[in-house]
């Protein structure tokens, strides 16, 4: 998994299959926005109908918890299926 900060309040999270195909291609990309003491997952792109795994969700929560943020339970929206 990689987390890239693209502005003060926006992060792009990319999930890889056991790191085997890092840095490309990732199978899930998420947009996460922070606001005061919370973070929101707005949308994710995925390939082959996959979604973020439990392991990746735990890593994401741990990362933002270390920043002192709490999750706002806004469900991510699947907006596109990438080609293989």
PDB file of N, CA and C in Angstrom:
ATOM      1  N   UNK A   1       0.840  -1.162   0.000  1.00  0.00           N
ATOM      2  CA  UNK A   1       0.000   0.000   0.000  1.00  0.00           C
ATOM      3  C   UNK A   1       0.890   1.230   0.000  1.00  0.00           C
ATOM      4  N   UNK A   2       0.464   2.249  -0.741  1.00  0.00           N
ATOM      5  CA  UNK A   2       1.186   3.516  -0.692  1.00  0.00           C
ATOM      6  C   UNK A   2       0.181   4.636  -0.454  1.00  0.00           C
ATOM      7  N   UNK A   3       0.617   5.643   0.294  1.00  0.00           N
ATOM      8  CA  UNK A   3      -0.226   6.798   0.587  1.00  0.00           C
ATOM      9  C   UNK A   3       0.528   8.030   0.128  1.00  0.00           C
ATOM     10  N   UNK A   4      -0.104   8.798  -0.758  1.00  0.00           N
ATOM     11  CA  UNK A   4       0.518   9.995  -1.309  1.00  0.00           C
ATOM     12  C   UNK A   4      -0.334  11.200  -0.933  1.00  0.00           C
ATOM     13  N   UNK A   5       0.293  12.195  -0.316  1.00  0.00           N
ATOM     14  CA  UNK A   5      -0.431  13.422   0.012  1.00  0.00           C
ATOM     15  C   UNK A   5      -0.328  14.354  -1.177  1.00  0.00           C
ATOM     16  N   UNK A   6      -1.476  14.732  -1.762  1.00  0.00           N
ATOM     17  CA  UNK A   6      -1.475  15.563  -2.962  1.00  0.00           C
ATOM     18  C   UNK A   6      -1.835  17.020  -2.673  1.00  0.00           C
ATOM     19  N   UNK A   7      -2.357  17.294  -1.483  1.00  0.00           N
ATOM     20  CA  UNK A   7      -2.588  18.664  -1.023  1.00  0.00           C
ATOM     21  C   UNK A   7      -2.684  18.620   0.499  1.00  0.00           C
ATOM     22  N   UNK A   8      -2.964  19.762   1.109  1.00  0.00           N
ATOM     23  CA  UNK A   8      -3.048  19.792   2.573  1.00  0.00           C
ATOM     24  C   UNK A   8      -4.093  18.832   3.120  1.00  0.00           C
ATOM     25  N   UNK A   9      -5.170  18.613   2.366  1.00  0.00           N
ATOM     26  CA  UNK A   9      -6.282  17.828   2.899  1.00  0.00           C
ATOM     27  C   UNK A   9      -6.635  16.592   2.077  1.00  0.00           C
ATOM     28  N   UNK A  10      -5.893  16.317   1.009  1.00  0.00           N
ATOM     29  CA  UNK A  10      -6.258  15.202   0.122  1.00  0.00           C
ATOM     30  C   UNK A  10      -5.112  14.203   0.016  1.00  0.00           C
ATOM     31  N   UNK A  11      -5.472  12.928   0.158  1.00  0.00           N
ATOM     32  CA  UNK A  11      -4.521  11.828   0.040  1.00  0.00           C
ATOM     33  C   UNK A  11      -5.028  10.847  -1.011  1.00  0.00           C
ATOM     34  N   UNK A  12      -4.098  10.254  -1.738  1.00  0.00           N
ATOM     35  CA  UNK A  12      -4.415   9.164  -2.659  1.00  0.00           C
ATOM     36  C   UNK A  12      -3.793   7.903  -2.065  1.00  0.00           C
ATOM     37  N   UNK A  13      -4.604   6.879  -1.877  1.00  0.00           N
ATOM     38  CA  UNK A  13      -4.132   5.603  -1.336  1.00  0.00           C
ATOM     39  C   UNK A  13      -4.203   4.570  -2.448  1.00  0.00           C
ATOM     40  N   UNK A  14      -3.100   3.870  -2.670  1.00  0.00           N
ATOM     41  CA  UNK A  14      -3.058   2.809  -3.677  1.00  0.00           C
ATOM     42  C   UNK A  14      -2.746   1.488  -2.985  1.00  0.00           C
ATOM     43  N   UNK A  15      -3.524   0.470  -3.307  1.00  0.00           N
ATOM     44  CA  UNK A  15      -3.331  -0.854  -2.711  1.00  0.00           C
ATOM     45  C   UNK A  15      -2.785  -1.806  -3.764  1.00  0.00           C
ATOM     46  N   UNK A  16      -1.824  -2.601  -3.370  1.00  0.00           N
ATOM     47  CA  UNK A  16      -1.175  -3.565  -4.256  1.00  0.00           C
ATOM     48  C   UNK A  16      -1.404  -4.965  -3.718  1.00  0.00           C
ATOM     49  N   UNK A  17      -1.294  -5.939  -4.574  1.00  0.00           N
ATOM     50  CA  UNK A  17      -1.479  -7.324  -4.160  1.00  0.00           C
ATOM     51  C   UNK A  17      -0.186  -7.842  -3.548  1.00  0.00           C
ATOM     52  N   UNK A  18      -0.115  -7.808  -2.215  1.00  0.00           N
ATOM     53  CA  UNK A  18       1.048  -8.280  -1.454  1.00  0.00           C
ATOM     54  C   UNK A  18       2.346  -7.614  -1.881  1.00  0.00           C
ATOM     55  N   UNK A  19       2.264  -6.404  -2.432  1.00  0.00           N
ATOM     56  CA  UNK A  19       3.449  -5.674  -2.844  1.00  0.00           C
ATOM     57  C   UNK A  19       4.148  -6.252  -4.051  1.00  0.00           C
ATOM     58  N   UNK A  20       3.575  -7.286  -4.652  1.00  0.00           N
ATOM     59  CA  UNK A  20       4.268  -7.978  -5.734  1.00  0.00           C
ATOM     60  C   UNK A  20       4.346  -7.162  -7.009  1.00  0.00           C
ATOM     61  N   UNK A  21       3.373  -6.289  -7.230  1.00  0.00           N
ATOM     62  CA  UNK A  21       3.398  -5.522  -8.465  1.00  0.00           C
ATOM     63  C   UNK A  21       3.587  -4.033  -8.207  1.00  0.00           C
ATOM     64  N   UNK A  22       4.252  -3.703  -7.101  1.00  0.00           N
ATOM     65  CA  UNK A  22       4.570  -2.310  -6.821  1.00  0.00           C
ATOM     66  C   UNK A  22       5.622  -1.836  -7.807  1.00  0.00           C
ATOM     67  N   UNK A  23       5.620  -0.679  -8.368  1.00  0.00           N
ATOM     68  CA  UNK A  23       4.660   0.386  -8.131  1.00  0.00           C
ATOM     69  C   UNK A  23       3.463   0.358  -9.077  1.00  0.00           C
ATOM     70  N   UNK A  24       3.427  -0.547 -10.002  1.00  0.00           N
ATOM     71  CA  UNK A  24       2.328  -0.543 -10.955  1.00  0.00           C
ATOM     72  C   UNK A  24       2.086  -1.958 -11.416  1.00  0.00           C
ATOM     73  N   UNK A  25       0.931  -2.436 -11.629  1.00  0.00           N
ATOM     74  CA  UNK A  25      -0.328  -1.718 -11.439  1.00  0.00           C
ATOM     75  C   UNK A  25      -0.898  -1.964 -10.057  1.00  0.00           C
ATOM     76  N   UNK A  26      -1.592  -1.007  -9.542  1.00  0.00           N
ATOM     77  CA  UNK A  26      -2.314  -1.185  -8.281  1.00  0.00           C
ATOM     78  C   UNK A  26      -3.702  -1.708  -8.606  1.00  0.00           C
ATOM     79  N   UNK A  27      -4.338  -2.358  -7.644  1.00  0.00           N
ATOM     80  CA  UNK A  27      -5.670  -2.876  -7.931  1.00  0.00           C
ATOM     81  C   UNK A  27      -6.769  -2.041  -7.304  1.00  0.00           C
ATOM     82  N   UNK A  28      -6.429  -1.157  -6.385  1.00  0.00           N
ATOM     83  CA  UNK A  28      -7.411  -0.229  -5.812  1.00  0.00           C
ATOM     84  C   UNK A  28      -6.730   1.118  -5.596  1.00  0.00           C
ATOM     85  N   UNK A  29      -7.406   2.196  -5.943  1.00  0.00           N
ATOM     86  CA  UNK A  29      -6.948   3.547  -5.626  1.00  0.00           C
ATOM     87  C   UNK A  29      -8.104   4.274  -4.956  1.00  0.00           C
ATOM     88  N   UNK A  30      -7.818   4.909  -3.816  1.00  0.00           N
ATOM     89  CA  UNK A  30      -8.854   5.612  -3.056  1.00  0.00           C
ATOM     90  C   UNK A  30      -8.494   7.077  -2.896  1.00  0.00           C
ATOM     91  N   UNK A  31      -9.504   7.922  -2.867  1.00  0.00           N
ATOM     92  CA  UNK A  31      -9.337   9.331  -2.543  1.00  0.00           C
ATOM     93  C   UNK A  31      -9.818   9.532  -1.111  1.00  0.00           C
ATOM     94  N   UNK A  32      -8.947  10.084  -0.284  1.00  0.00           N
ATOM     95  CA  UNK A  32      -9.287  10.323   1.118  1.00  0.00           C
ATOM     96  C   UNK A  32      -9.068  11.801   1.420  1.00  0.00           C
ATOM     97  N   UNK A  33     -10.067  12.420   2.024  1.00  0.00           N
ATOM     98  CA  UNK A  33     -10.010  13.843   2.350  1.00  0.00           C
ATOM     99  C   UNK A  33     -10.107  13.994   3.863  1.00  0.00           C
ATOM    100  N   UNK A  34      -9.230  14.841   4.417  1.00  0.00           N
ATOM    101  CA  UNK A  34      -9.284  15.089   5.859  1.00  0.00           C
ATOM    102  C   UNK A  34      -9.938  16.445   6.118  1.00  0.00           C
ATOM    103  N   UNK A  35     -10.651  16.519   7.233  1.00  0.00           N
ATOM    104  CA  UNK A  35     -11.329  17.749   7.630  1.00  0.00           C
ATOM    105  C   UNK A  35     -11.315  17.810   9.147  1.00  0.00           C
ATOM    106  N   UNK A  36     -10.655  18.766   9.699  1.00  0.00           N
ATOM    107  CA  UNK A  36     -10.458  18.960  11.136  1.00  0.00           C
ATOM    108  C   UNK A  36      -9.993  17.676  11.805  1.00  0.00           C
ATOM    109  N   UNK A  37     -10.867  16.906  12.436  1.00  0.00           N
ATOM    110  CA  UNK A  37     -10.401  15.718  13.150  1.00  0.00           C
ATOM    111  C   UNK A  37     -10.900  14.411  12.539  1.00  0.00           C
ATOM    112  N   UNK A  38     -11.359  14.456  11.285  1.00  0.00           N
ATOM    113  CA  UNK A  38     -11.897  13.255  10.635  1.00  0.00           C
ATOM    114  C   UNK A  38     -11.299  13.067   9.248  1.00  0.00           C
ATOM    115  N   UNK A  39     -11.433  11.844   8.738  1.00  0.00           N
ATOM    116  CA  UNK A  39     -11.078  11.593   7.345  1.00  0.00           C
ATOM    117  C   UNK A  39     -12.218  10.856   6.664  1.00  0.00           C
ATOM    118  N   UNK A  40     -12.363  11.129   5.381  1.00  0.00           N
ATOM    119  CA  UNK A  40     -13.477  10.621   4.594  1.00  0.00           C
ATOM    120  C   UNK A  40     -12.950   9.890   3.364  1.00  0.00           C
ATOM    121  N   UNK A  41     -13.475   8.706   3.107  1.00  0.00           N
ATOM    122  CA  UNK A  41     -13.163   7.992   1.864  1.00  0.00           C
ATOM    123  C   UNK A  41     -14.292   8.325   0.901  1.00  0.00           C
ATOM    124  N   UNK A  42     -13.959   9.035  -0.180  1.00  0.00           N
ATOM    125  CA  UNK A  42     -14.998   9.474  -1.099  1.00  0.00           C
ATOM    126  C   UNK A  42     -15.246   8.515  -2.247  1.00  0.00           C
ATOM    127  N   UNK A  43     -14.205   7.942  -2.800  1.00  0.00           N
ATOM    128  CA  UNK A  43     -14.402   7.068  -3.956  1.00  0.00           C
ATOM    129  C   UNK A  43     -13.191   6.180  -4.100  1.00  0.00           C
ATOM    130  N   UNK A  44     -13.387   5.067  -4.786  1.00  0.00           N
ATOM    131  CA  UNK A  44     -12.227   4.267  -5.127  1.00  0.00           C
ATOM    132  C   UNK A  44     -12.379   3.686  -6.518  1.00  0.00           C
ATOM    133  N   UNK A  45     -11.245   3.511  -7.145  1.00  0.00           N
ATOM    134  CA  UNK A  45     -11.164   2.851  -8.440  1.00  0.00           C
ATOM    135  C   UNK A  45     -10.663   1.449  -8.178  1.00  0.00           C
ATOM    136  N   UNK A  46     -11.199   0.480  -8.879  1.00  0.00           N
ATOM    137  CA  UNK A  46     -10.693  -0.863  -8.677  1.00  0.00           C
ATOM    138  C   UNK A  46     -10.696  -1.634  -9.984  1.00  0.00           C
ATOM    139  N   UNK A  47      -9.979  -2.725  -9.966  1.00  0.00           N
ATOM    140  CA  UNK A  47      -9.823  -3.570 -11.142  1.00  0.00           C
ATOM    141  C   UNK A  47     -10.451  -4.923 -10.834  1.00  0.00           C
ATOM    142  N   UNK A  48     -11.089  -5.498 -11.806  1.00  0.00           N
ATOM    143  CA  UNK A  48     -11.660  -6.849 -11.703  1.00  0.00           C
ATOM    144  C   UNK A  48     -12.675  -6.998 -10.576  1.00  0.00           C
ATOM    145  N   UNK A  49     -13.413  -5.938 -10.279  1.00  0.00           N
ATOM    146  CA  UNK A  49     -14.440  -6.028  -9.251  1.00  0.00           C
ATOM    147  C   UNK A  49     -13.912  -6.167  -7.840  1.00  0.00           C
ATOM    148  N   UNK A  50     -12.633  -5.920  -7.623  1.00  0.00           N
ATOM    149  CA  UNK A  50     -12.048  -6.038  -6.288  1.00  0.00           C
ATOM    150  C   UNK A  50     -12.369  -4.798  -5.467  1.00  0.00           C
ATOM    151  N   UNK A  51     -12.206  -4.908  -4.183  1.00  0.00           N
ATOM    152  CA  UNK A  51     -12.337  -3.773  -3.285  1.00  0.00           C
ATOM    153  C   UNK A  51     -11.195  -3.859  -2.279  1.00  0.00           C
ATOM    154  N   UNK A  52     -10.965  -2.799  -1.510  1.00  0.00           N
ATOM    155  CA  UNK A  52      -9.856  -2.842  -0.553  1.00  0.00           C
ATOM    156  C   UNK A  52     -10.000  -4.025   0.402  1.00  0.00           C
ATOM    157  N   UNK A  53      -8.898  -4.694   0.666  1.00  0.00           N
ATOM    158  CA  UNK A  53      -8.923  -5.854   1.564  1.00  0.00           C
ATOM    159  C   UNK A  53      -8.957  -5.390   3.017  1.00  0.00           C
ATOM    160  N   UNK A  54      -9.298  -6.300   3.904  1.00  0.00           N
ATOM    161  CA  UNK A  54      -9.322  -5.998   5.335  1.00  0.00           C
ATOM    162  C   UNK A  54      -7.946  -5.536   5.808  1.00  0.00           C
ATOM    163  N   UNK A  55      -6.893  -6.182   5.307  1.00  0.00           N
ATOM    164  CA  UNK A  55      -5.526  -5.807   5.683  1.00  0.00           C
ATOM    165  C   UNK A  55      -5.245  -4.357   5.299  1.00  0.00           C
ATOM    166  N   UNK A  56      -5.625  -3.971   4.079  1.00  0.00           N
ATOM    167  CA  UNK A  56      -5.384  -2.605   3.640  1.00  0.00           C
ATOM    168  C   UNK A  56      -6.233  -1.614   4.430  1.00  0.00           C
ATOM    169  N   UNK A  57      -7.483  -1.970   4.714  1.00  0.00           N
ATOM    170  CA  UNK A  57      -8.323  -1.075   5.513  1.00  0.00           C
ATOM    171  C   UNK A  57      -7.719  -0.839   6.891  1.00  0.00           C
ATOM    172  N   UNK A  58      -7.178  -1.886   7.510  1.00  0.00           N
ATOM    173  CA  UNK A  58      -6.542  -1.739   8.823  1.00  0.00           C
ATOM    174  C   UNK A  58      -5.322  -0.828   8.735  1.00  0.00           C
ATOM    175  N   UNK A  59      -4.518  -0.978   7.665  1.00  0.00           N
ATOM    176  CA  UNK A  59      -3.338  -0.137   7.490  1.00  0.00           C
ATOM    177  C   UNK A  59      -3.734   1.323   7.301  1.00  0.00           C
ATOM    178  N   UNK A  60      -4.793   1.551   6.532  1.00  0.00           N
ATOM    179  CA  UNK A  60      -5.258   2.922   6.302  1.00  0.00           C
ATOM    180  C   UNK A  60      -5.736   3.538   7.616  1.00  0.00           C
ATOM    181  N   UNK A  61      -6.553   2.802   8.369  1.00  0.00           N
ATOM    182  CA  UNK A  61      -7.039   3.318   9.652  1.00  0.00           C
ATOM    183  C   UNK A  61      -5.878   3.610  10.598  1.00  0.00           C
ATOM    184  N   UNK A  62      -4.890   2.738  10.653  1.00  0.00           N
ATOM    185  CA  UNK A  62      -3.734   2.944  11.533  1.00  0.00           C
ATOM    186  C   UNK A  62      -2.960   4.197  11.135  1.00  0.00           C
ATOM    187  N   UNK A  63      -2.763   4.404   9.830  1.00  0.00           N
ATOM    188  CA  UNK A  63      -2.026   5.568   9.343  1.00  0.00           C
ATOM    189  C   UNK A  63      -2.705   6.867   9.784  1.00  0.00           C
ATOM    190  N   UNK A  64      -4.008   6.969   9.541  1.00  0.00           N
ATOM    191  CA  UNK A  64      -4.714   8.204   9.877  1.00  0.00           C
ATOM    192  C   UNK A  64      -4.933   8.356  11.380  1.00  0.00           C
ATOM    193  N   UNK A  65      -5.021   7.245  12.109  1.00  0.00           N
ATOM    194  CA  UNK A  65      -5.139   7.317  13.567  1.00  0.00           C
ATOM    195  C   UNK A  65      -3.874   7.928  14.163  1.00  0.00           C
ATOM    196  N   UNK A  66      -2.699   7.582  13.596  1.00  0.00           N
ATOM    197  CA  UNK A  66      -1.440   8.162  14.070  1.00  0.00           C
ATOM    198  C   UNK A  66      -1.409   9.671  13.857  1.00  0.00           C
ATOM    199  N   UNK A  67      -2.178  10.149  12.877  1.00  0.00           N
ATOM    200  CA  UNK A  67      -2.272  11.591  12.622  1.00  0.00           C
ATOM    201  C   UNK A  67      -3.302  12.251  13.543  1.00  0.00           C
ATOM    202  N   UNK A  68      -3.939  11.457  14.413  1.00  0.00           N
ATOM    203  CA  UNK A  68      -4.941  11.986  15.328  1.00  0.00           C
ATOM    204  C   UNK A  68      -6.319  12.147  14.711  1.00  0.00           C
ATOM    205  N   UNK A  69      -6.570  11.458  13.597  1.00  0.00           N
ATOM    206  CA  UNK A  69      -7.846  11.580  12.891  1.00  0.00           C
ATOM    207  C   UNK A  69      -8.739  10.376  13.149  1.00  0.00           C
ATOM    208  N   UNK A  70     -10.035  10.605  13.069  1.00  0.00           N
ATOM    209  CA  UNK A  70     -11.014   9.531  13.230  1.00  0.00           C
ATOM    210  C   UNK A  70     -11.725   9.312  11.898  1.00  0.00           C
ATOM    211  N   UNK A  71     -12.108   8.078  11.615  1.00  0.00           N
ATOM    212  CA  UNK A  71     -12.823   7.835  10.359  1.00  0.00           C
ATOM    213  C   UNK A  71     -14.253   8.369  10.422  1.00  0.00           C
ATOM    214  N   UNK A  72     -14.666   9.003   9.344  1.00  0.00           N
ATOM    215  CA  UNK A  72     -16.076   9.350   9.173  1.00  0.00           C
ATOM    216  C   UNK A  72     -16.616   8.265   8.253  1.00  0.00           C
ATOM    217  N   UNK A  73     -17.594   7.544   8.697  1.00  0.00           N
ATOM    218  CA  UNK A  73     -18.002   6.348   7.966  1.00  0.00           C
ATOM    219  C   UNK A  73     -18.860   6.686   6.757  1.00  0.00           C
ATOM    220  N   UNK A  74     -18.205   7.313   5.790  1.00  0.00           N
ATOM    221  CA  UNK A  74     -18.816   7.573   4.495  1.00  0.00           C
ATOM    222  C   UNK A  74     -18.351   6.449   3.590  1.00  0.00           C
ATOM    223  N   UNK A  75     -19.269   5.699   3.080  1.00  0.00           N
ATOM    224  CA  UNK A  75     -18.914   4.536   2.276  1.00  0.00           C
ATOM    225  C   UNK A  75     -18.302   4.986   0.959  1.00  0.00           C
ATOM    226  N   UNK A  76     -17.172   4.372   0.591  1.00  0.00           N
ATOM    227  CA  UNK A  76     -16.552   4.651  -0.695  1.00  0.00           C
ATOM    228  C   UNK A  76     -17.460   4.209  -1.823  1.00  0.00           C
ATOM    229  N   UNK A  77     -17.391   4.883  -2.930  1.00  0.00           N
ATOM    230  CA  UNK A  77     -18.242   4.548  -4.065  1.00  0.00           C
ATOM    231  C   UNK A  77     -17.383   3.981  -5.182  1.00  0.00           C
ATOM    232  N   UNK A  78     -17.767   2.838  -5.684  1.00  0.00           N
ATOM    233  CA  UNK A  78     -17.048   2.220  -6.788  1.00  0.00           C
ATOM    234  C   UNK A  78     -17.425   2.965  -8.060  1.00  0.00           C
ATOM    235  N   UNK A  79     -16.467   3.657  -8.676  1.00  0.00           N
ATOM    236  CA  UNK A  79     -16.811   4.505  -9.814  1.00  0.00           C
ATOM    237  C   UNK A  79     -16.293   4.009 -11.152  1.00  0.00           C
ATOM    238  N   UNK A  80     -15.405   3.033 -11.162  1.00  0.00           N
ATOM    239  CA  UNK A  80     -14.861   2.590 -12.441  1.00  0.00           C
ATOM    240  C   UNK A  80     -14.149   1.264 -12.254  1.00  0.00           C
ATOM    241  N   UNK A  81     -14.225   0.416 -13.245  1.00  0.00           N
ATOM    242  CA  UNK A  81     -13.445  -0.820 -13.239  1.00  0.00           C
ATOM    243  C   UNK A  81     -12.344  -0.650 -14.267  1.00  0.00           C
ATOM    244  N   UNK A  82     -11.100  -0.707 -13.807  1.00  0.00           N
ATOM    245  CA  UNK A  82      -9.958  -0.528 -14.693  1.00  0.00           C
ATOM    246  C   UNK A  82      -9.744  -1.774 -15.529  1.00  0.00           C
ATOM    247  N   UNK A  83      -9.140  -1.584 -16.680  1.00  0.00           N
ATOM    248  CA  UNK A  83      -8.789  -2.720 -17.535  1.00  0.00           C
ATOM    249  C   UNK A  83      -7.690  -3.525 -16.894  1.00  0.00           C
ATOM    250  N   UNK A  84      -7.599  -4.783 -17.284  1.00  0.00           N
ATOM    251  CA  UNK A  84      -6.531  -5.652 -16.763  1.00  0.00           C
ATOM    252  C   UNK A  84      -5.185  -5.158 -17.200  1.00  0.00           C
TER     253      UNK A  84
END
